[in-house]
Amino acid sequence: MNRPFNMPDEFVEGFMKAGASLWRSLGWTPSADHNGAGASSALSSSGRLAELQADHLMRLYQLTEQVIKSAAGVQSQAAVEPARGDRRFHGTDWRDNPLHNLLKQCYLLNSRYCTDFVEALDLDEKEKHRLRFFTRQLVEAMSPTNFIATNPEIIKLATDTEGQSLKAGMDNLMSDLGRGSLTITDESAFEVGKDVATSRGAVVFENDLFQLIQYEPATEQVAVRPLLIVPPCINKFYILDLQPANSFVRFAVEHGMTVFIVSWRNPDASCGHFGWDDYVEHGAMRAIGVARSISGADKVNVVGWCVGGTILSSALAILRTRGDESVASVTLLTTMLDFREPGDLGVFVDEESVRQREQTIGNGGIYRGAELGFVFQTLRSKELIWPNVINNYLKGKAPERFDLLFWNADVTNLPGPMYCWYIRNMYLENNLRIPNRLTMCNTSVDLGRVDLPAYVLATVEDHIVPWRSAYRTTGLFSGDTRFVLGASGHIAGVINPASKNKRSYWLSSDRCEDPAAWLAGADEKPGSWWNDWIAWLKPRAEEQLPARTQLGSNLYRPGEAAPGRYVKEKAN
């Protein structure tokens, strides 16, 4: 079913299930009356809810008292203030105008009440997590900053422009409804291969699933062992090669690495039969073989990011089981292999939703990238949805020009069989962490066979791969593992250029089963983790040799120039 802004079925169904959990916890559903579960849950929550309601009423009384004092010219302390980092109410009218100050504080008090109400309910953690997530969606949607009549900045702009800002905003809204998605950036401001993905190189191999790009050397001497990067197939690879100042690819090349990167095809209807095994064997494993052949090295070093890291880890387990020793080390960037705590993405996954997808696209078809993009936007709706709604539709302004958001909007489809297998076996059943539970490419998979040196990066604010989940990789691989926790989130924490040397990261040589215990004993280091990683990688890249002037080899001749045509294909 098509919905505005590509809202997927999982979002609507998750919202309804969250509501059902709420009614059941309060004993309001007929089914609860039959088995007594709802009544019992309601009784256990009633005391906490009564205290919460009394506290909320007291705060509303204090707010009323403050308004009366302010009207009489008496200074008083605000009943509640926005959380640190909340930029929605930075305008002076939200502080100085009594009406808008009242609106702000009423909203903040009610938001706090809704959040505390959910926490007070007696629900299992999975149900509470879902209700917590969708309550946040509602709370953020109801902010007075999101409406014309209650946002003083919008009112002033409309007055100053004699309504032209609202007319332009309506035009923007109609345009987005026509295309079916919220515009989050100026998509005409960048061109792939010209403004982003500009590192020089060539496609040296391709099949129906991916193109392999080799980059030109930037140093006279290069390491013997090349570096192969496997990015996520749910996004395009150029997040690692945005612009020269923040290109991870350029950083590696400038440090004497021969770099190869996988550019996944953006699947169309002809690719609707691809499964997980295809991405492992004809994707990651094939790329490893080609990169090793072209370089002539005994081994390659590999990097995987997000689901690219999950694909790569599966491939490594298979190769090690088969006795293949062609990989020297593995780096995983914000990757989950143990999915017991999947974060907010887990609210969209249960047996019912997975079975529904299996019935519709599990045997062939495409999961549309626009739907997946909507899901990712809801994970950070305060930053990715509502500011753009205000800017585009209420202010009537053009979207900002930002390379990272341009990449974010350049969505990719997924083959239905691959997507369904991944969601069931990783997010729903968490099978990958169990030795020999899964069979891929006719081989039993045991991550414990991955006995390579591993560099595992997580980021402390990651909303897609919670860092505690990424930390559990240290207990799955059997080789020497260096775990690093970077500042910021899933994207900004990874793309943290060494040249700017911003933020920080945490390190510890101790290995604890509890991630919190690890963090308590870790040391914080200033700057980018890139410098730590390249120092770790270089000894595993072996000695230096003169850089080749030609890309590819006699067997794998260079074709079209980087970034290739696969990355330029748009999702239908």
Protein backbone atom coordinates (compact mmCIF):
# COMPACT_ATOMS: atom_id res chain seq x y z
CA MET A 1 0.00 0.00 0.00
CA ASN A 2 1.37 3.42 -0.98
CA ARG A 3 1.36 6.07 1.73
CA PRO A 4 2.58 9.70 1.78
CA PHE A 5 6.32 10.08 2.24
CA ASN A 6 6.94 6.35 1.69
CA MET A 7 5.71 5.34 5.13
CA PRO A 8 6.22 1.53 5.20
CA ASP A 9 3.71 -0.99 6.54
CA GLU A 10 6.06 -1.77 9.45
CA PHE A 11 5.76 1.80 10.75
CA VAL A 12 1.95 1.83 10.72
CA GLU A 13 1.73 -1.66 12.19
CA GLY A 14 4.31 -0.84 14.85
CA PHE A 15 2.32 2.22 15.88
CA MET A 16 -0.84 0.11 16.24
CA LYS A 17 1.01 -2.57 18.24
CA ALA A 18 2.39 0.09 20.57
CA GLY A 19 -1.14 1.30 21.20
CA ALA A 20 -2.33 -2.24 21.85
CA SER A 21 0.45 -2.69 24.42
CA LEU A 22 -0.69 0.51 26.16
CA TRP A 23 -4.35 -0.56 26.38
CA ARG A 24 -3.39 -4.03 27.53
CA SER A 25 -1.10 -2.73 30.25
CA LEU A 26 -4.00 -0.62 31.56
CA GLY A 27 -6.42 -3.56 31.46
CA TRP A 28 -8.64 -1.95 28.85
CA THR A 29 -8.80 -4.71 26.24
CA PRO A 30 -11.45 -7.44 26.14
CA SER A 31 -8.76 -10.11 25.77
CA ALA A 32 -7.19 -9.00 29.02
CA ASP A 33 -10.50 -9.49 30.84
CA HIS A 34 -10.50 -13.15 29.84
CA ASN A 35 -7.10 -14.09 31.24
CA GLY A 36 -6.62 -11.46 33.93
CA ALA A 37 -3.25 -10.39 32.54
CA GLY A 38 -4.38 -6.87 31.76
CA ALA A 39 -5.94 -6.39 35.20
CA SER A 40 -2.82 -7.66 36.92
CA SER A 41 -0.62 -5.38 34.85
CA ALA A 42 -2.86 -2.42 35.57
CA LEU A 43 -2.78 -3.08 39.32
CA SER A 44 1.00 -3.30 39.36
CA SER A 45 1.26 0.01 37.48
CA SER A 46 -1.50 1.89 39.29
CA GLY A 47 0.58 3.07 42.25
CA ARG A 48 3.36 4.44 40.09
CA LEU A 49 0.89 6.09 37.73
CA ALA A 50 -0.96 7.75 40.61
CA GLU A 51 2.29 9.25 41.88
CA LEU A 52 3.19 10.36 38.37
CA GLN A 53 -0.18 12.05 37.84
CA ALA A 54 0.04 13.83 41.19
CA ASP A 55 3.51 15.11 40.33
CA HIS A 56 2.32 16.26 36.89
CA LEU A 57 -0.61 18.15 38.39
CA MET A 58 1.72 19.83 40.85
CA ARG A 59 3.99 20.96 38.02
CA LEU A 60 1.02 22.32 36.07
CA TYR A 61 -0.05 24.22 39.19
CA GLN A 62 3.45 25.67 39.52
CA LEU A 63 3.34 26.69 35.87
CA THR A 64 -0.02 28.45 36.39
CA GLU A 65 1.40 30.22 39.42
CA GLN A 66 4.40 31.34 37.38
CA VAL A 67 2.15 32.74 34.61
CA ILE A 68 0.13 34.73 37.15
CA LYS A 69 3.30 36.16 38.70
CA SER A 70 4.70 37.05 35.28
CA ALA A 71 1.47 38.88 34.39
CA ALA A 72 1.87 40.87 37.60
CA GLY A 73 5.45 41.73 36.69
CA VAL A 74 7.01 39.39 39.24
CA GLN A 75 10.07 37.45 38.10
CA SER A 76 9.85 33.70 38.66
CA GLN A 77 11.81 30.64 37.69
CA ALA A 78 10.54 28.60 34.73
CA ALA A 79 8.71 25.40 35.68
CA VAL A 80 10.64 23.42 33.08
CA GLU A 81 13.37 24.15 30.54
CA PRO A 82 14.32 22.38 27.29
CA ALA A 83 16.91 19.65 27.57
CA ARG A 84 20.49 20.59 26.81
CA GLY A 85 21.04 20.46 23.05
CA ASP A 86 17.34 20.95 22.21
CA ARG A 87 17.51 23.73 19.59
CA ARG A 88 13.78 23.98 18.88
CA PHE A 89 13.13 26.86 21.32
CA HIS A 90 16.21 29.03 20.83
CA GLY A 91 14.26 32.07 19.60
CA THR A 92 13.87 34.92 22.08
CA ASP A 93 10.04 34.88 21.73
CA TRP A 94 9.95 31.46 23.37
CA ARG A 95 11.48 33.10 26.44
CA ASP A 96 10.22 36.69 26.39
CA ASN A 97 6.69 36.40 25.00
CA PRO A 98 4.38 35.20 27.82
CA LEU A 99 2.05 33.28 25.50
CA HIS A 100 4.76 31.41 23.64
CA ASN A 101 6.68 30.80 26.85
CA LEU A 102 3.52 29.21 28.27
CA LEU A 103 3.06 27.08 25.15
CA LYS A 104 6.66 25.93 25.36
CA GLN A 105 6.49 24.98 29.01
CA CYS A 106 3.11 23.23 28.69
CA TYR A 107 4.51 21.18 25.84
CA LEU A 108 7.68 20.29 27.74
CA LEU A 109 5.70 19.31 30.85
CA ASN A 110 3.29 17.16 28.85
CA SER A 111 6.20 15.59 26.95
CA ARG A 112 7.87 14.66 30.21
CA TYR A 113 4.61 13.23 31.52
CA CYS A 114 4.11 11.05 28.43
CA THR A 115 7.67 9.74 28.64
CA ASP A 116 7.45 9.02 32.37
CA PHE A 117 4.03 7.42 31.88
CA VAL A 118 5.49 4.85 29.50
CA GLU A 119 8.35 4.08 31.89
CA ALA A 120 5.88 3.50 34.72
CA LEU A 121 3.91 0.83 32.83
CA ASP A 122 4.43 -2.84 33.63
CA LEU A 123 5.46 -4.20 30.23
CA ASP A 124 8.18 -6.53 29.01
CA GLU A 125 11.22 -4.72 27.64
CA LYS A 126 10.44 -5.35 23.96
CA GLU A 127 6.91 -3.97 24.28
CA LYS A 128 8.11 -1.03 26.34
CA HIS A 129 10.83 -0.25 23.82
CA ARG A 130 8.26 -0.15 21.02
CA LEU A 131 5.87 2.03 23.05
CA ARG A 132 8.77 4.28 24.06
CA PHE A 133 9.79 4.74 20.42
CA PHE A 134 6.32 5.59 19.08
CA THR A 135 5.55 7.83 22.04
CA ARG A 136 8.68 9.78 21.11
CA GLN A 137 7.41 10.05 17.54
CA LEU A 138 4.13 11.53 18.79
CA VAL A 139 5.78 13.84 21.28
CA GLU A 140 8.16 15.24 18.68
CA ALA A 141 5.36 15.62 16.14
CA MET A 142 3.23 17.67 18.57
CA SER A 143 5.87 20.30 19.32
CA PRO A 144 4.43 23.84 18.96
CA THR A 145 7.39 24.65 16.72
CA ASN A 146 5.82 22.41 14.03
CA PHE A 147 2.66 24.48 13.54
CA ILE A 148 2.07 27.84 11.91
CA ALA A 149 -0.22 29.23 14.60
CA THR A 150 2.08 28.39 17.51
CA ASN A 151 5.55 29.16 16.12
CA PRO A 152 6.38 32.88 16.53
CA GLU A 153 9.20 32.74 14.00
CA ILE A 154 6.83 31.40 11.32
CA ILE A 155 4.20 34.03 12.14
CA LYS A 156 6.73 36.85 11.88
CA LEU A 157 8.17 35.54 8.60
CA ALA A 158 4.69 35.19 7.08
CA THR A 159 3.85 38.74 8.15
CA ASP A 160 7.11 40.19 6.85
CA THR A 161 6.73 38.46 3.46
CA GLU A 162 2.98 39.18 3.20
CA GLY A 163 2.24 35.47 3.10
CA GLN A 164 4.74 34.60 0.38
CA SER A 165 6.68 32.30 2.72
CA LEU A 166 3.54 30.24 3.31
CA LYS A 167 2.77 30.12 -0.40
CA ALA A 168 6.30 28.90 -1.14
CA GLY A 169 5.97 26.36 1.64
CA MET A 170 2.74 25.02 0.16
CA ASP A 171 4.46 24.69 -3.20
CA ASN A 172 7.27 22.73 -1.54
CA LEU A 173 4.75 20.48 0.21
CA MET A 174 2.86 19.72 -3.00
CA SER A 175 6.14 18.95 -4.75
CA ASP A 176 7.17 16.50 -2.03
CA LEU A 177 3.76 14.84 -2.00
CA GLY A 178 4.10 14.39 -5.74
CA ARG A 179 7.48 12.71 -5.44
CA GLY A 180 6.46 10.77 -2.35
CA SER A 181 9.21 11.75 0.07
CA LEU A 182 10.37 14.57 2.33
CA THR A 183 13.17 16.63 0.81
CA ILE A 184 16.02 16.82 3.33
CA THR A 185 18.67 18.48 1.18
CA ASP A 186 19.21 20.19 -2.15
CA GLU A 187 19.59 17.11 -4.35
CA SER A 188 20.68 19.21 -7.34
CA ALA A 189 23.66 20.68 -5.48
CA PHE A 190 25.93 17.67 -5.96
CA GLU A 191 26.80 15.31 -8.78
CA VAL A 192 28.27 11.89 -8.05
CA GLY A 193 31.72 11.72 -9.63
CA LYS A 194 32.02 15.49 -9.88
CA ASP A 195 31.28 16.93 -6.43
CA VAL A 196 31.33 13.73 -4.35
CA ALA A 197 33.06 10.38 -5.00
CA THR A 198 35.91 12.20 -6.73
CA SER A 199 38.93 10.06 -5.84
CA ARG A 200 40.66 8.90 -9.02
CA GLY A 201 40.50 5.25 -9.95
CA ALA A 202 38.83 2.75 -12.24
CA VAL A 203 36.42 -0.18 -12.22
CA VAL A 204 38.55 -3.32 -12.46
CA PHE A 205 35.79 -5.92 -12.11
CA GLU A 206 32.03 -6.14 -12.20
CA ASN A 207 29.25 -8.69 -12.07
CA ASP A 208 25.48 -8.35 -11.70
CA LEU A 209 25.88 -7.53 -8.01
CA PHE A 210 28.76 -5.07 -7.68
CA GLN A 211 31.58 -3.17 -9.32
CA LEU A 212 35.04 -3.27 -7.79
CA ILE A 213 36.90 0.04 -7.89
CA GLN A 214 40.68 0.33 -7.54
CA TYR A 215 42.05 3.77 -6.68
CA GLU A 216 45.19 5.37 -8.03
CA PRO A 217 48.13 5.51 -5.60
CA ALA A 218 49.03 8.85 -4.02
CA THR A 219 52.47 7.82 -2.76
CA GLU A 220 55.60 6.52 -4.48
CA GLN A 221 55.69 3.49 -2.18
CA VAL A 222 52.66 1.39 -1.24
CA ALA A 223 52.09 -1.47 1.19
CA VAL A 224 52.35 -4.98 -0.24
CA ARG A 225 48.94 -6.01 1.04
CA PRO A 226 46.00 -4.04 -0.35
CA LEU A 227 42.96 -2.77 1.52
CA LEU A 228 39.47 -3.89 0.46
CA ILE A 229 36.43 -1.98 1.75
CA VAL A 230 32.96 -3.56 1.82
CA PRO A 231 30.40 -0.79 2.53
CA PRO A 232 26.75 -1.40 3.42
CA CYS A 233 24.48 -2.40 0.54
CA ILE A 234 21.65 -0.32 2.02
CA ASN A 235 23.56 2.85 1.16
CA LYS A 236 25.98 3.94 -1.54
CA PHE A 237 29.72 3.59 -1.02
CA TYR A 238 30.64 7.25 -1.48
CA ILE A 239 29.93 8.05 2.16
CA LEU A 240 33.55 6.89 2.43
CA ASP A 241 34.61 9.25 -0.38
CA LEU A 242 32.44 12.34 -0.03
CA GLN A 243 34.89 15.18 -0.65
CA PRO A 244 38.69 15.31 -0.36
CA ALA A 245 38.64 16.84 3.12
CA ASN A 246 36.52 14.05 4.62
CA SER A 247 37.30 11.06 2.38
CA PHE A 248 38.26 7.88 4.21
CA VAL A 249 39.39 6.44 0.87
CA ARG A 250 41.75 9.35 0.24
CA PHE A 251 43.11 9.08 3.79
CA ALA A 252 44.01 5.41 3.26
CA VAL A 253 45.52 6.05 -0.17
CA GLU A 254 47.61 8.95 1.16
CA HIS A 255 48.98 6.59 3.81
CA GLY A 256 50.34 4.24 1.20
CA MET A 257 47.48 1.76 0.86
CA THR A 258 46.32 0.23 -2.41
CA VAL A 259 42.59 0.65 -1.92
CA PHE A 260 39.74 -1.32 -3.48
CA ILE A 261 36.09 -0.66 -2.70
CA VAL A 262 32.88 -2.54 -3.47
CA SER A 263 30.22 -0.46 -5.23
CA TRP A 264 26.99 -2.42 -4.82
CA ARG A 265 24.44 -2.31 -7.62
CA ASN A 266 21.19 -0.48 -6.85
CA PRO A 267 18.82 -3.41 -7.44
CA ASP A 268 15.91 -3.12 -9.84
CA ALA A 269 13.24 -5.68 -10.70
CA SER A 270 15.78 -7.82 -12.57
CA CYS A 271 17.71 -8.29 -9.30
CA GLY A 272 14.71 -9.39 -7.26
CA HIS A 273 16.02 -12.95 -6.94
CA PHE A 274 19.32 -12.15 -5.16
CA GLY A 275 19.66 -13.68 -1.71
CA TRP A 276 22.01 -13.28 1.25
CA ASP A 277 24.33 -16.00 -0.09
CA ASP A 278 24.78 -14.01 -3.30
CA TYR A 279 26.01 -10.99 -1.36
CA VAL A 280 28.41 -13.17 0.62
CA GLU A 281 29.83 -15.37 -2.15
CA HIS A 282 29.43 -13.31 -5.32
CA GLY A 283 29.94 -10.07 -3.41
CA ALA A 284 32.43 -10.02 -0.52
CA MET A 285 34.24 -13.29 -1.29
CA ARG A 286 34.57 -12.49 -4.98
CA ALA A 287 35.92 -9.03 -4.20
CA ILE A 288 38.53 -10.51 -1.85
CA GLY A 289 39.71 -12.87 -4.59
CA VAL A 290 39.92 -10.17 -7.25
CA ALA A 291 41.74 -7.67 -5.01
CA ARG A 292 44.28 -10.31 -4.03
CA SER A 293 44.79 -11.38 -7.64
CA ILE A 294 45.35 -7.83 -8.91
CA SER A 295 47.76 -6.93 -6.13
CA GLY A 296 49.68 -10.19 -6.31
CA ALA A 297 49.85 -10.17 -2.49
CA ASP A 298 49.65 -13.19 -0.25
CA LYS A 299 46.81 -11.64 1.72
CA VAL A 300 44.51 -8.62 1.82
CA ASN A 301 43.26 -6.46 4.69
CA VAL A 302 39.51 -5.90 4.74
CA VAL A 303 37.12 -3.29 6.13
CA GLY A 304 33.35 -3.69 6.53
CA TRP A 305 30.82 -1.07 7.61
CA CYS A 306 27.37 -1.77 9.11
CA VAL A 307 25.59 -4.53 7.15
CA GLY A 308 28.66 -4.61 4.90
CA GLY A 309 30.54 -5.74 7.99
CA THR A 310 27.94 -8.44 8.66
CA ILE A 311 28.28 -9.70 5.09
CA LEU A 312 32.06 -9.55 5.32
CA SER A 313 32.18 -11.38 8.67
CA SER A 314 29.99 -14.14 7.24
CA ALA A 315 32.37 -14.44 4.29
CA LEU A 316 35.41 -14.60 6.57
CA ALA A 317 33.86 -17.37 8.67
CA ILE A 318 33.22 -19.38 5.51
CA LEU A 319 36.72 -18.80 4.15
CA ARG A 320 38.35 -19.83 7.42
CA THR A 321 36.19 -22.98 7.56
CA ARG A 322 37.36 -23.83 4.05
CA GLY A 323 40.99 -23.33 5.07
CA ASP A 324 41.38 -20.12 3.07
CA GLU A 325 43.97 -17.77 4.62
CA SER A 326 43.80 -14.96 2.07
CA VAL A 327 42.79 -12.27 4.61
CA ALA A 328 45.33 -10.76 7.01
CA SER A 329 43.09 -8.59 9.20
CA VAL A 330 39.54 -7.31 9.47
CA THR A 331 38.21 -3.89 10.49
CA LEU A 332 34.53 -3.58 11.39
CA LEU A 333 32.93 -0.13 11.54
CA THR A 334 29.68 0.14 13.54
CA THR A 335 28.73 -3.45 12.74
CA MET A 336 26.36 -5.80 14.56
CA LEU A 337 26.99 -9.53 14.68
CA ASP A 338 25.07 -10.17 17.91
CA PHE A 339 21.56 -8.73 17.52
CA ARG A 340 20.16 -9.30 20.99
CA GLU A 341 19.95 -5.52 21.51
CA PRO A 342 19.21 -4.13 18.03
CA GLY A 343 18.29 -0.63 19.13
CA ASP A 344 15.34 1.30 17.73
CA LEU A 345 15.31 -0.69 14.48
CA GLY A 346 14.11 -3.63 16.56
CA VAL A 347 10.70 -1.98 17.09
CA PHE A 348 9.86 -2.72 13.46
CA VAL A 349 10.71 -6.43 13.64
CA ASP A 350 8.55 -9.22 14.99
CA GLU A 351 7.34 -12.57 13.68
CA GLU A 352 4.19 -11.11 12.14
CA SER A 353 5.92 -8.32 10.22
CA VAL A 354 8.73 -10.58 8.98
CA ARG A 355 6.29 -13.25 7.82
CA GLN A 356 4.30 -10.62 5.94
CA ARG A 357 7.41 -9.45 4.08
CA GLU A 358 8.40 -13.05 3.33
CA GLN A 359 4.99 -13.67 1.77
CA THR A 360 5.18 -10.57 -0.44
CA ILE A 361 8.84 -10.27 -1.49
CA GLY A 362 10.62 -13.20 0.17
CA ASN A 363 10.63 -15.32 -2.98
CA GLY A 364 11.29 -12.47 -5.38
CA GLY A 365 10.82 -8.74 -5.51
CA ILE A 366 12.28 -5.50 -4.24
CA TYR A 367 12.18 -3.75 -0.88
CA ARG A 368 12.05 -0.09 -1.88
CA GLY A 369 14.87 2.09 -0.64
CA ALA A 370 12.48 4.99 -0.08
CA GLU A 371 10.64 2.98 2.57
CA LEU A 372 13.86 2.02 4.28
CA GLY A 373 14.96 5.66 4.11
CA PHE A 374 11.77 6.74 5.92
CA VAL A 375 12.48 4.23 8.70
CA PHE A 376 16.00 5.59 9.18
CA GLN A 377 14.67 9.16 9.29
CA THR A 378 12.26 8.26 12.11
CA LEU A 379 15.19 7.08 14.21
CA ARG A 380 16.31 10.72 14.35
CA SER A 381 13.07 12.53 13.59
CA LYS A 382 13.99 15.55 15.72
CA GLU A 383 17.00 16.18 13.47
CA LEU A 384 15.98 14.72 10.09
CA ILE A 385 12.20 15.17 9.80
CA TRP A 386 10.78 18.10 11.75
CA PRO A 387 13.48 20.73 11.05
CA ASN A 388 12.95 20.05 7.35
CA VAL A 389 9.17 20.24 7.72
CA ILE A 390 9.58 23.66 9.36
CA ASN A 391 12.16 24.92 6.87
CA ASN A 392 10.49 23.58 3.70
CA TYR A 393 6.76 23.87 4.41
CA LEU A 394 6.35 26.56 7.09
CA LYS A 395 9.17 28.91 6.11
CA GLY A 396 9.04 28.14 2.39
CA LYS A 397 12.81 27.97 2.11
CA ALA A 398 14.95 25.83 -0.16
CA PRO A 399 16.64 22.82 1.45
CA GLU A 400 20.22 23.28 2.59
CA ARG A 401 23.24 22.12 0.60
CA PHE A 402 25.02 19.40 2.59
CA ASP A 403 27.04 16.50 1.15
CA LEU A 404 26.20 14.05 3.92
CA LEU A 405 22.46 14.68 3.61
CA PHE A 406 22.76 14.39 -0.18
CA TRP A 407 24.22 10.91 0.35
CA ASN A 408 21.52 10.12 2.91
CA ALA A 409 18.80 10.97 0.38
CA ASP A 410 20.41 8.84 -2.37
CA VAL A 411 18.58 5.70 -1.32
CA THR A 412 19.08 2.13 -2.54
CA ASN A 413 16.67 -0.76 -2.97
CA LEU A 414 17.26 -4.25 -1.58
CA PRO A 415 16.39 -7.60 -3.15
CA GLY A 416 13.41 -9.08 -1.32
CA PRO A 417 14.90 -12.55 -0.63
CA MET A 418 18.13 -11.05 0.74
CA TYR A 419 16.27 -8.55 2.93
CA CYS A 420 13.85 -11.12 4.37
CA TRP A 421 16.61 -13.64 5.14
CA TYR A 422 18.66 -10.93 6.83
CA ILE A 423 15.80 -9.60 8.95
CA ARG A 424 14.70 -13.07 10.11
CA ASN A 425 18.08 -14.57 10.83
CA MET A 426 19.75 -11.49 12.29
CA TYR A 427 17.20 -9.12 13.84
CA LEU A 428 14.42 -11.58 14.67
CA GLU A 429 16.22 -14.82 15.60
CA ASN A 430 19.80 -13.61 16.19
CA ASN A 431 21.23 -16.76 14.63
CA LEU A 432 24.63 -15.54 13.43
CA ARG A 433 26.18 -15.48 16.91
CA ILE A 434 25.40 -19.19 17.47
CA PRO A 435 28.12 -21.48 16.04
CA ASN A 436 26.93 -23.58 13.10
CA ARG A 437 23.31 -22.47 13.46
CA LEU A 438 23.37 -20.97 9.95
CA THR A 439 24.48 -22.44 6.66
CA MET A 440 25.63 -20.02 3.97
CA CYS A 441 27.05 -20.94 0.59
CA ASN A 442 26.72 -24.64 1.59
CA THR A 443 29.03 -24.07 4.58
CA SER A 444 28.24 -24.01 8.30
CA VAL A 445 29.06 -20.61 9.75
CA ASP A 446 30.97 -20.21 13.01
CA LEU A 447 32.27 -16.72 13.75
CA GLY A 448 34.66 -18.25 16.25
CA ARG A 449 36.72 -19.49 13.30
CA VAL A 450 37.58 -15.89 12.45
CA ASP A 451 40.94 -15.90 14.21
CA LEU A 452 42.30 -12.78 12.47
CA PRO A 453 43.49 -9.57 14.10
CA ALA A 454 40.38 -7.41 14.30
CA TYR A 455 39.82 -3.68 14.76
CA VAL A 456 36.24 -3.11 15.94
CA LEU A 457 34.89 0.45 16.01
CA ALA A 458 31.62 1.45 17.64
CA THR A 459 30.26 4.94 18.29
CA VAL A 460 28.76 6.05 21.55
CA GLU A 461 25.66 7.78 20.11
CA ASP A 462 24.91 5.23 17.39
CA HIS A 463 21.12 4.91 16.89
CA ILE A 464 21.41 2.08 14.33
CA VAL A 465 24.10 -0.16 15.85
CA PRO A 466 24.13 0.44 19.63
CA TRP A 467 27.74 0.40 20.77
CA ARG A 468 27.06 -2.27 23.38
CA SER A 469 25.90 -4.58 20.61
CA ALA A 470 28.98 -3.84 18.51
CA TYR A 471 31.15 -4.52 21.58
CA ARG A 472 29.91 -8.13 21.71
CA THR A 473 31.89 -8.87 18.55
CA THR A 474 34.92 -9.08 20.85
CA GLY A 475 33.46 -12.29 22.28
CA LEU A 476 32.60 -13.83 18.91
CA PHE A 477 35.90 -13.65 17.00
CA SER A 478 38.79 -15.74 18.32
CA GLY A 479 41.67 -13.53 17.17
CA ASP A 480 43.27 -10.56 18.89
CA THR A 481 40.66 -7.78 18.89
CA ARG A 482 41.15 -4.07 19.44
CA PHE A 483 37.86 -2.42 20.42
CA VAL A 484 37.59 1.36 19.98
CA LEU A 485 34.62 3.50 20.97
CA GLY A 486 34.34 6.73 18.99
CA ALA A 487 32.39 9.85 19.82
CA SER A 488 29.21 10.89 17.94
CA GLY A 489 26.91 8.60 15.95
CA HIS A 490 26.64 6.00 13.22
CA ILE A 491 27.82 8.27 10.39
CA ALA A 492 29.56 11.29 11.93
CA GLY A 493 31.43 9.03 14.33
CA VAL A 494 32.93 7.07 11.42
CA ILE A 495 33.49 10.00 9.06
CA ASN A 496 35.71 11.90 11.48
CA PRO A 497 38.63 13.12 9.32
CA ALA A 498 42.07 12.91 10.83
CA SER A 499 42.94 16.27 9.24
CA LYS A 500 40.37 18.01 11.45
CA ASN A 501 41.18 15.76 14.42
CA LYS A 502 37.92 16.53 16.20
CA ARG A 503 36.03 14.65 18.90
CA SER A 504 37.62 11.77 20.79
CA TYR A 505 37.62 8.00 21.23
CA TRP A 506 37.99 5.52 24.08
CA LEU A 507 40.49 2.66 24.38
CA SER A 508 41.18 -0.09 26.89
CA SER A 509 43.24 -3.28 26.71
CA ASP A 510 40.95 -4.97 29.24
CA ARG A 511 38.32 -7.40 28.02
CA CYS A 512 35.10 -7.44 30.04
CA GLU A 513 31.90 -9.30 29.31
CA ASP A 514 29.97 -6.22 30.39
CA PRO A 515 30.36 -3.28 27.97
CA ALA A 516 29.70 -0.78 30.77
CA ALA A 517 32.59 -2.23 32.78
CA TRP A 518 34.84 -1.88 29.72
CA LEU A 519 33.89 1.78 29.34
CA ALA A 520 34.47 2.48 33.02
CA GLY A 521 38.07 1.35 32.64
CA ALA A 522 38.74 2.91 29.23
CA ASP A 523 40.92 5.94 28.57
CA GLU A 524 39.60 8.82 26.46
CA LYS A 525 41.93 9.94 23.67
CA PRO A 526 41.48 13.30 21.91
CA GLY A 527 41.06 13.49 18.14
CA SER A 528 40.07 11.13 15.36
CA TRP A 529 40.21 7.34 15.61
CA TRP A 530 41.51 7.29 12.00
CA ASN A 531 45.04 7.91 13.27
CA ASP A 532 44.81 5.04 15.73
CA TRP A 533 43.45 2.73 13.02
CA ILE A 534 46.11 3.47 10.41
CA ALA A 535 48.84 2.89 13.02
CA TRP A 536 47.22 -0.48 13.81
CA LEU A 537 46.83 -1.40 10.13
CA LYS A 538 50.28 -0.60 8.75
CA PRO A 539 52.18 -3.48 10.39
CA ARG A 540 49.56 -5.86 8.94
CA ALA A 541 50.01 -4.40 5.45
CA GLU A 542 53.61 -5.66 5.31
CA GLU A 543 56.59 -3.86 3.76
CA GLN A 544 56.56 -1.18 1.06
CA LEU A 545 57.12 -1.59 -2.66
CA PRO A 546 57.04 0.87 -5.60
CA ALA A 547 53.52 1.92 -6.54
CA ARG A 548 52.25 0.62 -9.86
CA THR A 549 51.50 3.12 -12.57
CA GLN A 550 48.73 0.94 -14.05
CA LEU A 551 45.51 -0.16 -12.37
CA GLY A 552 44.11 -3.66 -12.68
CA SER A 553 46.03 -6.54 -14.23
CA ASN A 554 46.17 -8.59 -17.41
CA LEU A 555 43.27 -10.67 -16.08
CA TYR A 556 41.28 -7.77 -14.66
CA ARG A 557 41.73 -4.82 -16.98
CA PRO A 558 40.55 -1.35 -15.89
CA GLY A 559 37.28 -0.24 -17.41
CA GLU A 560 35.22 2.87 -16.78
CA ALA A 561 36.60 5.56 -14.53
CA ALA A 562 35.66 5.70 -10.85
CA PRO A 563 33.10 5.97 -9.39
CA GLY A 564 31.53 3.77 -12.08
CA ARG A 565 27.95 3.60 -13.29
CA TYR A 566 26.46 1.36 -10.55
CA VAL A 567 26.69 4.10 -7.92
CA LYS A 568 24.91 6.56 -10.20
CA GLU A 569 21.82 4.41 -10.61
CA LYS A 570 18.81 5.84 -8.79
CA ALA A 571 16.24 3.78 -6.90
CA ASN A 572 12.92 3.60 -8.71
